[in-house]
């Protein structure tokens, strides 16, 4: 049995045991009505793209208004540097070595001749053996709906309807990134928003889990003509005008659903999360953060993150504790009444309700054992967005372990000069400009020890050396 199959089975057993507790809890009398949960997930929205995170050119008035109504997490992360693995982490509550979803389509992306290792094969779907967040919420008595991008398989066992969603609607399911000439509904922003509103409205009186997974602002970019004209007149950089307009329309969709929650009265008992699946494309610089979508520097994985919950979350509050989107699974379950599930993520409710609280853990992790084409802004590489790498944040410190140099350079034996390890103090160097791996050697070795321990504990698969009988095979691998 493969490592991934063993990990899936173990995860299934853990979650199934937890869901027995969930069902038992649901049978108990509860004095308080369970909250509705609305997760709004943007596509390719970078941390620095929003007004509330400091952008002066783009305009996100509705997202900024939501930030003022709730709590902002300044150090929130996606589970991966691009779409499918990030969503797999969110839906499963598990790090990527457990799901085996590392990339979109393939982990062999870019020029074969430049690859020094054979990547770990990629799972293109989230295995149906995982108990998804939607299935877990259904066990708590929730009606569940997905409106928009799934990106984790459409076979009989991996499609959304087989993974816990009572309702699934996505007019862009086929060729989602293809540009369409629908000037009043770019990227189906408003169609998806209206469908989510209809779902919540028609299920009043019973708890709902609504996953509104927008296609915006992923390329191909689209916008309403008047939105584009707004940024042309504003004098935005020509290459960013359509990007800004698409984001402005996404923001309008957020405003529409937030207004519905207010006028319908549902907002008083709804926990709303707004975040993104990964960093921005190279079209939008994330400075002072380094990098973009597809890499594991801050610009590739740090995300805007807002939580709004009237009478629960203090408006205008902030949190500086690092969190990651695998935390949403146990958080939503805890909000629904069960905090016993043990996953890679951690329940964030205590942090939502008290900005002085912090997580029990002190480390979060990322693992990407493959290659992604096209370099990022201020990246390590002039060829790839990333090469095989495992990453950890511990407190203010971050380590990146690059496996080409580590595995082929015999690891720790040549650690001082093999260029395998980079460490940064994000408190002093948020832009990851000064690698301290050969300056603060005790800290480097501490972080490296923690990271290698996690690799062993999760059985994280590593790429292998190239031989005559084992060579990378180029794949189209999607366009992300």
Protein backbone atom coordinates (compact mmCIF):
# COMPACT_ATOMS: atom_id res chain seq x y z
CA UNK A 1 0.00 0.00 0.00
CA UNK A 2 1.37 3.41 -0.96
CA UNK A 3 2.25 6.08 1.56
CA UNK A 4 -0.56 8.29 0.29
CA UNK A 5 -3.11 5.49 0.62
CA UNK A 6 -2.01 4.77 4.19
CA UNK A 7 -2.23 8.46 5.05
CA UNK A 8 -5.69 8.72 3.49
CA UNK A 9 -6.92 5.72 5.45
CA UNK A 10 -5.49 7.06 8.69
CA UNK A 11 -7.10 10.42 8.08
CA UNK A 12 -10.40 8.73 7.25
CA UNK A 13 -10.31 6.78 10.52
CA UNK A 14 -9.52 9.89 12.56
CA UNK A 15 -12.26 11.93 10.93
CA UNK A 16 -14.84 9.14 11.04
CA UNK A 17 -14.23 8.73 14.76
CA UNK A 18 -14.58 12.47 15.18
CA UNK A 19 -17.81 12.55 13.21
CA UNK A 20 -19.36 10.00 15.56
CA UNK A 21 -18.76 12.55 18.27
CA UNK A 22 -20.20 15.24 16.04
CA UNK A 23 -23.41 13.31 15.46
CA UNK A 24 -23.71 12.54 19.13
CA UNK A 25 -23.23 16.18 20.00
CA UNK A 26 -25.85 17.20 17.48
CA UNK A 27 -28.41 15.01 19.23
CA UNK A 28 -27.92 16.90 22.46
CA UNK A 29 -30.17 19.83 23.30
CA UNK A 30 -28.55 23.12 22.39
CA UNK A 31 -29.73 26.43 23.77
CA UNK A 32 -28.22 28.53 20.99
CA UNK A 33 -29.02 28.24 17.30
CA UNK A 34 -26.05 27.12 15.27
CA UNK A 35 -24.55 29.93 13.20
CA UNK A 36 -24.65 30.05 9.43
CA UNK A 37 -21.19 30.00 7.90
CA UNK A 38 -20.25 31.84 4.72
CA UNK A 39 -16.80 31.34 3.23
CA UNK A 40 -15.94 33.77 0.41
CA UNK A 41 -12.80 32.63 -1.39
CA UNK A 42 -11.17 34.86 -3.99
CA UNK A 43 -8.99 33.32 -6.70
CA UNK A 44 -5.41 34.66 -7.07
CA UNK A 45 -6.04 37.70 -4.86
CA UNK A 46 -2.72 38.73 -3.35
CA UNK A 47 -2.20 39.94 0.19
CA UNK A 48 -1.21 43.41 -1.01
CA UNK A 49 -4.08 43.79 -3.48
CA UNK A 50 -6.66 45.14 -1.00
CA UNK A 51 -7.11 48.61 0.42
CA UNK A 52 -7.15 47.34 3.99
CA UNK A 53 -3.76 45.69 3.44
CA UNK A 54 -2.22 48.87 2.09
CA UNK A 55 -2.88 49.08 -1.65
CA UNK A 56 -3.33 52.68 -2.84
CA UNK A 57 -4.18 52.05 -6.51
CA UNK A 58 -6.75 49.24 -6.42
CA UNK A 59 -10.13 49.92 -4.84
CA UNK A 60 -11.88 47.42 -2.56
CA UNK A 61 -14.37 49.50 -0.55
CA UNK A 62 -16.69 46.63 0.38
CA UNK A 63 -13.90 44.30 1.42
CA UNK A 64 -12.37 47.15 3.42
CA UNK A 65 -15.75 47.79 5.09
CA UNK A 66 -15.95 44.12 6.08
CA UNK A 67 -12.48 44.40 7.61
CA UNK A 68 -13.73 47.23 9.82
CA UNK A 69 -16.71 45.15 10.95
CA UNK A 70 -14.64 42.18 12.05
CA UNK A 71 -11.14 40.96 12.76
CA UNK A 72 -8.21 41.10 10.34
CA UNK A 73 -5.43 38.51 10.48
CA UNK A 74 -2.22 40.11 9.27
CA UNK A 75 -0.33 36.82 9.00
CA UNK A 76 -2.80 34.49 7.33
CA UNK A 77 -1.59 31.90 4.83
CA UNK A 78 -2.85 29.56 2.15
CA UNK A 79 -1.99 25.87 2.41
CA UNK A 80 -0.07 26.08 -0.87
CA UNK A 81 1.29 28.48 -3.44
CA UNK A 82 -1.33 27.72 -6.06
CA UNK A 83 -4.95 26.77 -6.41
CA UNK A 84 -5.71 23.05 -6.23
CA UNK A 85 -3.43 22.11 -3.31
CA UNK A 86 -4.57 25.15 -1.33
CA UNK A 87 -8.21 24.15 -1.80
CA UNK A 88 -7.42 20.53 -0.97
CA UNK A 89 -5.94 21.69 2.33
CA UNK A 90 -8.91 23.91 3.06
CA UNK A 91 -11.50 21.22 2.27
CA UNK A 92 -9.67 18.39 4.07
CA UNK A 93 -8.06 20.26 6.97
CA UNK A 94 -4.82 18.48 6.10
CA UNK A 95 -1.37 19.44 4.88
CA UNK A 96 -0.42 18.48 1.32
CA UNK A 97 1.64 15.35 2.16
CA UNK A 98 -1.62 13.77 3.33
CA UNK A 99 -3.72 14.74 0.31
CA UNK A 100 -0.99 14.26 -2.30
CA UNK A 101 -2.36 17.30 -4.14
CA UNK A 102 0.65 19.53 -4.81
CA UNK A 103 -0.11 21.40 -8.03
CA UNK A 104 -2.61 21.95 -10.81
CA UNK A 105 -2.34 18.99 -13.15
CA UNK A 106 1.32 18.15 -12.77
CA UNK A 107 4.38 18.74 -10.60
CA UNK A 108 6.56 18.59 -13.71
CA UNK A 109 6.08 22.09 -15.06
CA UNK A 110 8.85 23.84 -16.96
CA UNK A 111 11.97 22.88 -18.93
CA UNK A 112 12.95 19.26 -18.21
CA UNK A 113 16.64 19.95 -18.83
CA UNK A 114 16.69 22.37 -15.89
CA UNK A 115 15.24 19.86 -13.40
CA UNK A 116 17.75 18.12 -11.16
CA UNK A 117 15.25 15.77 -9.47
CA UNK A 118 12.27 13.65 -10.45
CA UNK A 119 9.20 15.28 -8.90
CA UNK A 120 6.75 13.41 -6.70
CA UNK A 121 3.67 12.56 -8.82
CA UNK A 122 0.65 14.76 -8.24
CA UNK A 123 -2.89 13.79 -7.27
CA UNK A 124 -5.18 15.83 -9.50
CA UNK A 125 -8.25 15.12 -7.34
CA UNK A 126 -9.04 15.10 -3.63
CA UNK A 127 -9.51 11.42 -2.82
CA UNK A 128 -13.11 10.60 -1.93
CA UNK A 129 -11.95 8.79 1.21
CA UNK A 130 -11.35 12.12 2.89
CA UNK A 131 -14.20 13.43 5.00
CA UNK A 132 -14.43 16.97 3.70
CA UNK A 133 -15.47 20.02 5.64
CA UNK A 134 -18.81 19.88 3.82
CA UNK A 135 -19.43 16.30 4.94
CA UNK A 136 -18.48 17.21 8.49
CA UNK A 137 -20.87 20.17 8.49
CA UNK A 138 -23.68 17.99 7.14
CA UNK A 139 -23.12 15.67 10.08
CA UNK A 140 -23.75 18.69 12.27
CA UNK A 141 -27.10 19.31 10.62
CA UNK A 142 -26.02 21.90 8.07
CA UNK A 143 -27.30 22.31 4.52
CA UNK A 144 -24.27 22.81 2.31
CA UNK A 145 -23.75 24.67 -0.95
CA UNK A 146 -20.80 25.36 -3.25
CA UNK A 147 -21.07 28.21 -5.72
CA UNK A 148 -18.09 28.52 -8.04
CA UNK A 149 -14.71 26.88 -8.36
CA UNK A 150 -14.16 23.35 -7.04
CA UNK A 151 -10.95 22.29 -8.86
CA UNK A 152 -10.57 18.98 -7.00
CA UNK A 153 -12.06 16.47 -9.42
CA UNK A 154 -15.34 15.65 -11.14
CA UNK A 155 -15.35 11.85 -11.09
CA UNK A 156 -18.14 9.90 -9.41
CA UNK A 157 -16.31 9.93 -6.06
CA UNK A 158 -14.56 13.30 -6.20
CA UNK A 159 -17.19 15.71 -7.58
CA UNK A 160 -18.63 18.22 -5.10
CA UNK A 161 -21.94 16.36 -4.76
CA UNK A 162 -20.00 13.25 -3.68
CA UNK A 163 -17.87 15.27 -1.25
CA UNK A 164 -20.66 16.65 0.93
CA UNK A 165 -22.29 19.50 -0.99
CA UNK A 166 -26.08 19.40 -1.24
CA UNK A 167 -26.02 22.09 -3.92
CA UNK A 168 -23.30 22.77 -6.48
CA UNK A 169 -23.50 25.50 -9.10
CA UNK A 170 -20.80 26.79 -11.41
CA UNK A 171 -21.61 28.15 -14.87
CA UNK A 172 -17.86 28.25 -15.59
CA UNK A 173 -17.12 24.65 -14.63
CA UNK A 174 -15.99 23.86 -18.17
CA UNK A 175 -12.92 25.88 -19.18
CA UNK A 176 -13.21 28.18 -16.15
CA UNK A 177 -10.36 30.49 -17.21
CA UNK A 178 -11.62 31.03 -20.75
CA UNK A 179 -12.49 34.66 -21.40
CA UNK A 180 -16.21 35.23 -21.95
CA UNK A 181 -17.99 38.22 -23.44
CA UNK A 182 -20.50 38.88 -20.64
CA UNK A 183 -19.91 42.55 -19.86
CA UNK A 184 -22.48 42.81 -17.06
CA UNK A 185 -21.28 39.67 -15.27
CA UNK A 186 -17.48 39.30 -15.54
CA UNK A 187 -16.09 36.03 -14.21
CA UNK A 188 -19.72 35.14 -13.25
CA UNK A 189 -19.21 37.20 -10.11
CA UNK A 190 -22.81 38.33 -9.86
CA UNK A 191 -24.40 35.07 -11.04
CA UNK A 192 -22.50 33.15 -8.37
CA UNK A 193 -23.31 35.75 -5.73
CA UNK A 194 -27.03 35.66 -6.56
CA UNK A 195 -27.03 31.84 -6.45
CA UNK A 196 -25.40 31.88 -3.01
CA UNK A 197 -27.91 34.47 -1.78
CA UNK A 198 -30.83 32.40 -3.09
CA UNK A 199 -29.44 29.32 -1.32
CA UNK A 200 -29.11 31.08 2.03
CA UNK A 201 -32.48 32.76 1.70
CA UNK A 202 -34.31 29.55 0.80
CA UNK A 203 -32.80 27.75 3.79
CA UNK A 204 -33.73 30.28 6.46
CA UNK A 205 -34.47 28.59 9.74
CA UNK A 206 -31.79 25.94 9.38
CA UNK A 207 -28.01 26.32 9.50
CA UNK A 208 -26.18 26.65 6.20
CA UNK A 209 -22.57 26.29 5.12
CA UNK A 210 -22.13 28.40 1.99
CA UNK A 211 -18.85 28.19 0.08
CA UNK A 212 -18.72 31.03 -2.45
CA UNK A 213 -15.59 30.25 -4.47
CA UNK A 214 -15.13 33.03 -7.01
CA UNK A 215 -13.18 32.69 -10.26
CA UNK A 216 -12.10 36.32 -9.98
CA UNK A 217 -9.45 37.56 -10.22
CA UNK A 218 -7.80 34.63 -11.96
CA UNK A 219 -6.86 35.17 -15.58
CA UNK A 220 -8.25 35.60 -18.12
CA UNK A 221 -9.20 38.94 -16.64
CA UNK A 222 -12.68 40.33 -17.30
CA UNK A 223 -14.55 43.38 -16.03
CA UNK A 224 -17.60 45.53 -16.56
CA UNK A 225 -16.81 48.27 -19.10
CA UNK A 226 -17.53 51.03 -16.60
CA UNK A 227 -15.14 49.46 -14.08
CA UNK A 228 -12.34 49.38 -16.63
CA UNK A 229 -13.06 52.98 -17.62
CA UNK A 230 -12.82 53.99 -13.96
CA UNK A 231 -9.21 52.85 -13.71
CA UNK A 232 -8.28 54.17 -17.14
CA UNK A 233 -9.42 57.61 -16.02
CA UNK A 234 -7.69 57.15 -12.69
CA UNK A 235 -4.40 56.74 -14.51
CA UNK A 236 -3.62 53.22 -13.37
CA UNK A 237 -0.63 51.54 -14.98
CA UNK A 238 -1.91 50.19 -18.30
CA UNK A 239 -0.96 46.60 -17.50
CA UNK A 240 -2.93 46.84 -14.23
CA UNK A 241 -6.10 48.56 -15.46
CA UNK A 242 -8.02 45.39 -16.25
CA UNK A 243 -6.64 43.67 -13.15
CA UNK A 244 -7.88 46.56 -10.97
CA UNK A 245 -11.27 46.56 -12.72
CA UNK A 246 -11.74 42.81 -12.24
CA UNK A 247 -10.90 43.19 -8.55
CA UNK A 248 -13.30 46.14 -8.26
CA UNK A 249 -16.10 43.94 -9.65
CA UNK A 250 -15.21 41.14 -7.24
CA UNK A 251 -15.45 43.68 -4.44
CA UNK A 252 -18.91 44.66 -5.68
CA UNK A 253 -19.96 41.02 -5.40
CA UNK A 254 -18.73 40.93 -1.82
CA UNK A 255 -20.70 44.09 -1.11
CA UNK A 256 -23.85 42.56 -2.58
CA UNK A 257 -23.79 39.49 -0.36
CA UNK A 258 -22.85 41.46 2.75
CA UNK A 259 -25.80 43.79 2.10
CA UNK A 260 -28.08 40.76 1.77
CA UNK A 261 -26.94 39.45 5.14
CA UNK A 262 -27.73 42.82 6.67
CA UNK A 263 -31.16 43.36 5.13
CA UNK A 264 -32.32 39.75 5.52
CA UNK A 265 -31.40 39.61 9.19
CA UNK A 266 -29.27 36.51 8.60
CA UNK A 267 -26.09 38.43 9.25
CA UNK A 268 -26.66 38.50 13.01
CA UNK A 269 -26.12 34.76 13.13
CA UNK A 270 -23.59 34.29 10.33
CA UNK A 271 -19.84 33.84 10.58
CA UNK A 272 -18.31 35.28 7.40
CA UNK A 273 -14.75 34.53 6.28
CA UNK A 274 -13.14 36.34 3.37
CA UNK A 275 -9.75 35.18 2.10
CA UNK A 276 -7.90 33.98 -1.03
CA UNK A 277 -6.48 30.69 -2.28
CA UNK A 278 -2.92 31.84 -3.02
CA UNK A 279 -0.80 34.85 -3.83
CA UNK A 280 -1.25 37.20 -6.77
CA UNK A 281 0.07 36.49 -10.24
CA UNK A 282 3.27 38.19 -11.41
CA UNK A 283 1.05 40.90 -12.87
CA UNK A 284 0.67 42.42 -9.39
CA UNK A 285 3.79 43.06 -7.35
CA UNK A 286 3.33 42.18 -3.69
CA UNK A 287 6.18 44.35 -2.43
CA UNK A 288 7.36 44.63 0.25
CA UNK A 289 6.54 40.90 0.21
CA UNK A 290 8.74 38.72 -1.97
CA UNK A 291 7.40 36.63 -4.83
CA UNK A 292 4.01 35.76 -6.25
CA UNK A 293 1.66 32.86 -6.87
CA UNK A 294 3.42 29.52 -7.15
CA UNK A 295 6.37 30.27 -4.88
CA UNK A 296 6.78 29.81 -1.14
CA UNK A 297 8.07 33.24 -0.26
CA UNK A 298 5.53 35.48 1.47
CA UNK A 299 4.06 36.92 -1.73
CA UNK A 300 3.06 33.43 -2.87
CA UNK A 301 1.29 32.20 0.24
CA UNK A 302 0.29 35.11 2.51
CA UNK A 303 -3.37 36.07 2.09
CA UNK A 304 -5.85 38.76 3.06
CA UNK A 305 -8.08 37.31 5.79
CA UNK A 306 -11.18 38.79 7.45
CA UNK A 307 -13.64 37.21 9.91
CA UNK A 308 -16.97 38.94 10.63
CA UNK A 309 -19.46 37.70 13.23
CA UNK A 310 -21.78 40.32 14.77
CA UNK A 311 -21.97 40.34 18.57
CA UNK A 312 -19.15 37.79 18.70
CA UNK A 313 -16.13 39.34 16.98
CA UNK A 314 -15.11 42.83 18.03
CA UNK A 315 -15.25 45.21 15.04
CA UNK A 316 -11.97 46.74 13.98
CA UNK A 317 -9.79 44.18 15.76
CA UNK A 318 -6.55 42.65 14.48
CA UNK A 319 -4.56 39.47 15.01
CA UNK A 320 -0.87 38.93 14.36
CA UNK A 321 -0.82 35.19 15.12
CA UNK A 322 0.16 33.17 12.02
CA UNK A 323 -2.73 31.03 10.75
CA UNK A 324 -3.28 28.85 7.67
CA UNK A 325 -6.40 27.88 5.75
CA UNK A 326 -6.34 24.27 7.02
CA UNK A 327 -7.49 25.93 10.27
CA UNK A 328 -10.90 26.71 8.78
CA UNK A 329 -12.14 23.10 9.00
CA UNK A 330 -11.81 22.73 12.79
CA UNK A 331 -12.90 26.36 13.25
CA UNK A 332 -16.18 25.89 11.39
CA UNK A 333 -16.87 22.65 13.23
CA UNK A 334 -16.21 24.34 16.56
CA UNK A 335 -18.62 27.14 15.62
CA UNK A 336 -21.18 24.44 14.82
CA UNK A 337 -20.71 22.87 18.24
CA UNK A 338 -17.90 20.34 17.99
CA UNK A 339 -14.28 21.10 18.87
CA UNK A 340 -13.03 17.52 19.18
CA UNK A 341 -11.81 16.94 15.64
CA UNK A 342 -8.03 16.52 15.43
CA UNK A 343 -6.59 17.61 12.10
CA UNK A 344 -3.52 19.49 10.91
CA UNK A 345 -5.44 22.72 11.45
CA UNK A 346 -6.38 24.37 14.73
CA UNK A 347 -9.66 25.89 15.93
CA UNK A 348 -9.40 29.67 15.57
CA UNK A 349 -12.56 30.61 17.48
CA UNK A 350 -10.63 31.65 20.61
CA UNK A 351 -8.58 34.03 18.43
CA UNK A 352 -11.69 35.39 16.74
CA UNK A 353 -13.31 36.19 20.06
CA UNK A 354 -10.22 37.50 21.85
CA UNK A 355 -7.50 39.23 19.85
CA UNK A 356 -5.04 38.64 22.69
CA UNK A 357 -5.31 34.86 22.29
CA UNK A 358 -2.89 32.82 20.25
CA UNK A 359 -2.74 29.30 18.83
CA UNK A 360 -1.51 26.30 20.80
CA UNK A 361 0.94 25.38 18.07
CA UNK A 362 4.04 27.38 17.21
CA UNK A 363 4.73 26.10 13.68
CA UNK A 364 2.97 25.86 10.33
CA UNK A 365 4.24 23.99 7.25
CA UNK A 366 4.21 23.75 3.45
CA UNK A 367 5.55 20.98 1.21
CA UNK A 368 6.00 21.19 -2.56
CA UNK A 369 8.06 18.32 -4.08
CA UNK A 370 7.97 19.44 -7.69
CA UNK A 371 8.52 22.23 -10.23
CA UNK A 372 6.38 25.15 -11.36
CA UNK A 373 7.26 27.10 -14.50
CA UNK A 374 7.69 30.88 -14.89
CA UNK A 375 9.79 32.90 -12.43
CA UNK A 376 8.21 35.25 -9.89
CA UNK A 377 9.12 38.80 -8.94
CA UNK A 378 12.30 38.79 -6.87
CA UNK A 379 12.33 35.01 -6.74
CA UNK A 380 15.20 32.64 -6.05
CA UNK A 381 15.10 31.33 -9.60
CA UNK A 382 15.19 32.80 -13.10
CA UNK A 383 13.49 29.74 -14.60
CA UNK A 384 10.93 28.35 -12.15
CA UNK A 385 8.44 29.89 -9.73
CA UNK A 386 9.68 27.24 -7.37
CA UNK A 387 11.76 24.11 -7.32
CA UNK A 388 11.12 21.31 -4.79
CA UNK A 389 10.93 22.92 -1.34
CA UNK A 390 9.61 22.38 2.16
CA UNK A 391 8.85 25.45 4.24
CA UNK A 392 8.05 26.22 7.88
CA UNK A 393 7.12 29.32 9.84
CA UNK A 394 7.93 29.19 13.55
CA UNK A 395 7.15 32.38 15.42
CA UNK A 396 8.87 35.20 13.56
CA UNK A 397 11.22 32.81 11.79
CA UNK A 398 10.83 31.12 8.43
CA UNK A 399 12.90 28.38 6.83
CA UNK A 400 12.90 27.12 3.25
CA UNK A 401 14.62 23.80 2.53
CA UNK A 402 15.38 23.37 -1.19
CA UNK A 403 15.66 19.70 -2.01
CA UNK A 404 17.87 19.82 -5.08
CA UNK A 405 20.79 21.11 -3.04
CA UNK A 406 19.79 19.19 0.08
CA UNK A 407 19.37 15.75 -1.47
CA UNK A 408 22.12 16.00 -4.06
CA UNK A 409 24.52 17.85 -1.77
CA UNK A 410 24.29 15.17 0.95
CA UNK A 411 22.31 17.44 3.22
CA UNK A 412 23.76 18.45 6.57
CA UNK A 413 27.25 17.32 5.63
CA UNK A 414 27.58 20.37 3.41
CA UNK A 415 24.96 22.58 5.00
CA UNK A 416 27.20 25.62 5.38
CA UNK A 417 27.83 25.96 1.66
CA UNK A 418 25.32 23.88 -0.31
CA UNK A 419 22.70 26.67 -0.54
CA UNK A 420 19.90 24.29 0.44
CA UNK A 421 18.61 26.28 3.42
CA UNK A 422 17.33 29.84 3.66
CA UNK A 423 16.10 31.37 6.92
CA UNK A 424 14.53 34.77 7.52
CA UNK A 425 13.42 36.76 10.53
CA UNK A 426 10.06 38.03 9.28
CA UNK A 427 9.69 40.48 12.15
CA UNK A 428 12.78 42.39 10.99
CA UNK A 429 12.75 41.36 7.34
CA UNK A 430 9.21 40.86 6.06
CA UNK A 431 10.48 41.06 2.49
CA UNK A 432 12.83 38.06 2.93
CA UNK A 433 15.83 39.98 1.62
CA UNK A 434 18.51 38.85 4.09
CA UNK A 435 19.14 35.11 4.34
CA UNK A 436 20.52 34.42 7.81
CA UNK A 437 21.26 30.72 7.31
CA UNK A 438 25.04 31.21 7.47
CA UNK A 439 24.86 34.05 9.99
CA UNK A 440 22.62 32.67 12.73
CA UNK A 441 23.69 29.05 12.55
CA UNK A 442 22.15 27.92 15.90
CA UNK A 443 18.73 29.20 14.76
CA UNK A 444 19.19 27.62 11.34
CA UNK A 445 19.94 24.24 12.87
CA UNK A 446 17.01 24.53 15.30
CA UNK A 447 14.59 25.31 12.48
CA UNK A 448 16.05 22.65 10.22
CA UNK A 449 15.67 20.04 12.95
CA UNK A 450 12.01 20.95 13.42
CA UNK A 451 11.38 20.84 9.69
CA UNK A 452 13.06 17.48 9.13
CA UNK A 453 11.11 16.05 12.07
CA UNK A 454 7.85 17.15 10.45
CA UNK A 455 8.87 15.61 7.12
CA UNK A 456 9.44 12.29 8.90
CA UNK A 457 6.24 12.48 10.96
CA UNK A 458 4.03 13.19 7.94
CA UNK A 459 5.88 10.77 5.64
CA UNK A 460 6.18 13.69 3.25
CA UNK A 461 7.36 12.19 -0.05
CA UNK A 462 10.54 13.66 -1.49
CA UNK A 463 11.67 13.95 -5.10
CA UNK A 464 14.30 11.48 -6.23
CA UNK A 465 17.55 11.55 -8.16
CA UNK A 466 17.43 11.34 -11.93
CA UNK A 467 18.69 8.07 -13.43
CA UNK A 468 18.73 6.55 -16.91
CA UNK A 469 15.48 4.72 -16.16
CA UNK A 470 13.84 7.43 -14.05
CA UNK A 471 13.58 10.83 -15.67
CA UNK A 472 11.09 13.71 -15.40
CA UNK A 473 8.36 13.63 -18.03
CA UNK A 474 6.99 16.97 -19.20
CA UNK A 475 3.28 17.54 -18.70
CA UNK A 476 1.03 20.36 -19.78
CA UNK A 477 -0.19 20.38 -16.19
CA UNK A 478 -2.77 23.14 -16.41
CA UNK A 479 -2.20 26.87 -16.65
CA UNK A 480 -1.81 27.91 -13.01
